[in-house]
């Protein structure tokens, strides 16, 4: 498998093509979720999710719930 092309955005780096990649979370694209709280790091491309592997990284600030139905 070839290396993925990385897209530089004002909010971090994100994979922009199919392939393998290594990415520090400090450099990754982070999306703030005002409704549910915290931030999400979308490591999978929306149009091409990982097959056979699921990766989700959510970062919460102190006092934020860890899910919609949890407190």
C-alpha atoms as a PDB file:
ATOM      1  CA  UNK A   1       0.000   0.000   0.000  1.00  0.00           C
ATOM      2  CA  UNK A   2       1.275   3.469  -0.866  1.00  0.00           C
ATOM      3  CA  UNK A   3       1.580   6.357   1.547  1.00  0.00           C
ATOM      4  CA  UNK A   4      -1.488   8.603   1.849  1.00  0.00           C
ATOM      5  CA  UNK A   5      -1.275  12.204   0.720  1.00  0.00           C
ATOM      6  CA  UNK A   6      -1.787  14.539   3.682  1.00  0.00           C
ATOM      7  CA  UNK A   7      -3.882  17.695   3.425  1.00  0.00           C
ATOM      8  CA  UNK A   8      -2.767  20.744   5.407  1.00  0.00           C
ATOM      9  CA  UNK A   9      -5.657  22.752   6.871  1.00  0.00           C
ATOM     10  CA  UNK A  10      -5.675  25.709   9.275  1.00  0.00           C
ATOM     11  CA  UNK A  11      -6.919  23.248  11.935  1.00  0.00           C
ATOM     12  CA  UNK A  12      -4.435  20.407  11.380  1.00  0.00           C
ATOM     13  CA  UNK A  13      -3.327  17.674   8.964  1.00  0.00           C
ATOM     14  CA  UNK A  14      -5.761  15.142   7.541  1.00  0.00           C
ATOM     15  CA  UNK A  15      -5.335  12.156   5.168  1.00  0.00           C
ATOM     16  CA  UNK A  16      -6.541  13.192   1.720  1.00  0.00           C
ATOM     17  CA  UNK A  17      -6.005   9.955  -0.211  1.00  0.00           C
ATOM     18  CA  UNK A  18      -6.025   6.212   0.316  1.00  0.00           C
ATOM     19  CA  UNK A  19      -2.911   4.729   1.882  1.00  0.00           C
ATOM     20  CA  UNK A  20      -0.942   4.302   5.050  1.00  0.00           C
ATOM     21  CA  UNK A  21       0.073   7.211   7.270  1.00  0.00           C
ATOM     22  CA  UNK A  22       1.639   8.079  10.609  1.00  0.00           C
ATOM     23  CA  UNK A  23       0.300  11.178  12.304  1.00  0.00           C
ATOM     24  CA  UNK A  24       0.853  12.753  15.722  1.00  0.00           C
ATOM     25  CA  UNK A  25      -2.474  13.737  17.294  1.00  0.00           C
ATOM     26  CA  UNK A  26      -0.940  17.133  18.048  1.00  0.00           C
ATOM     27  CA  UNK A  27      -0.667  17.710  14.284  1.00  0.00           C
ATOM     28  CA  UNK A  28      -3.998  16.085  13.334  1.00  0.00           C
ATOM     29  CA  UNK A  29      -7.182  17.850  12.305  1.00  0.00           C
ATOM     30  CA  UNK A  30      -9.385  18.389  15.381  1.00  0.00           C
ATOM     31  CA  UNK A  31     -13.060  19.287  15.142  1.00  0.00           C
ATOM     32  CA  UNK A  32     -14.744  20.869  18.149  1.00  0.00           C
ATOM     33  CA  UNK A  33     -18.215  19.519  18.929  1.00  0.00           C
ATOM     34  CA  UNK A  34     -20.143  22.309  20.641  1.00  0.00           C
ATOM     35  CA  UNK A  35     -23.335  20.221  20.966  1.00  0.00           C
ATOM     36  CA  UNK A  36     -21.838  17.124  22.613  1.00  0.00           C
ATOM     37  CA  UNK A  37     -18.666  18.693  23.994  1.00  0.00           C
ATOM     38  CA  UNK A  38     -15.012  17.920  23.451  1.00  0.00           C
ATOM     39  CA  UNK A  39     -13.140  17.549  20.198  1.00  0.00           C
ATOM     40  CA  UNK A  40     -13.010  14.725  17.662  1.00  0.00           C
ATOM     41  CA  UNK A  41     -10.040  13.697  15.535  1.00  0.00           C
ATOM     42  CA  UNK A  42     -11.465  12.271  12.276  1.00  0.00           C
ATOM     43  CA  UNK A  43      -8.599   9.996  11.228  1.00  0.00           C
ATOM     44  CA  UNK A  44     -10.727   8.232   8.592  1.00  0.00           C
ATOM     45  CA  UNK A  45     -11.792   9.907   5.381  1.00  0.00           C
ATOM     46  CA  UNK A  46     -15.564  10.400   5.324  1.00  0.00           C
ATOM     47  CA  UNK A  47     -15.879   9.029   1.781  1.00  0.00           C
ATOM     48  CA  UNK A  48     -13.511   6.098   2.447  1.00  0.00           C
ATOM     49  CA  UNK A  49     -13.590   4.733   6.016  1.00  0.00           C
ATOM     50  CA  UNK A  50     -11.072   2.161   7.247  1.00  0.00           C
ATOM     51  CA  UNK A  51     -12.045  -1.458   6.561  1.00  0.00           C
ATOM     52  CA  UNK A  52     -11.614  -3.967   9.368  1.00  0.00           C
ATOM     53  CA  UNK A  53     -10.421  -1.333  11.853  1.00  0.00           C
ATOM     54  CA  UNK A  54     -12.163   1.349  13.851  1.00  0.00           C
ATOM     55  CA  UNK A  55     -10.326   4.295  15.366  1.00  0.00           C
ATOM     56  CA  UNK A  56     -11.998   7.106  17.301  1.00  0.00           C
ATOM     57  CA  UNK A  57     -10.221   9.735  19.378  1.00  0.00           C
ATOM     58  CA  UNK A  58     -12.312  12.116  21.473  1.00  0.00           C
ATOM     59  CA  UNK A  59     -10.791  14.692  23.822  1.00  0.00           C
ATOM     60  CA  UNK A  60     -12.880  16.146  26.639  1.00  0.00           C
ATOM     61  CA  UNK A  61     -12.250  19.125  28.849  1.00  0.00           C
ATOM     62  CA  UNK A  62     -12.736  18.847  32.597  1.00  0.00           C
ATOM     63  CA  UNK A  63     -16.423  18.570  33.466  1.00  0.00           C
ATOM     64  CA  UNK A  64     -17.586  17.640  29.963  1.00  0.00           C
ATOM     65  CA  UNK A  65     -19.647  14.430  29.639  1.00  0.00           C
ATOM     66  CA  UNK A  66     -18.074  11.479  27.846  1.00  0.00           C
ATOM     67  CA  UNK A  67     -21.133  10.894  25.693  1.00  0.00           C
ATOM     68  CA  UNK A  68     -24.587  12.161  24.865  1.00  0.00           C
ATOM     69  CA  UNK A  69     -26.232  10.004  27.550  1.00  0.00           C
ATOM     70  CA  UNK A  70     -23.463  10.003  30.163  1.00  0.00           C
ATOM     71  CA  UNK A  71     -22.443  12.599  32.685  1.00  0.00           C
END
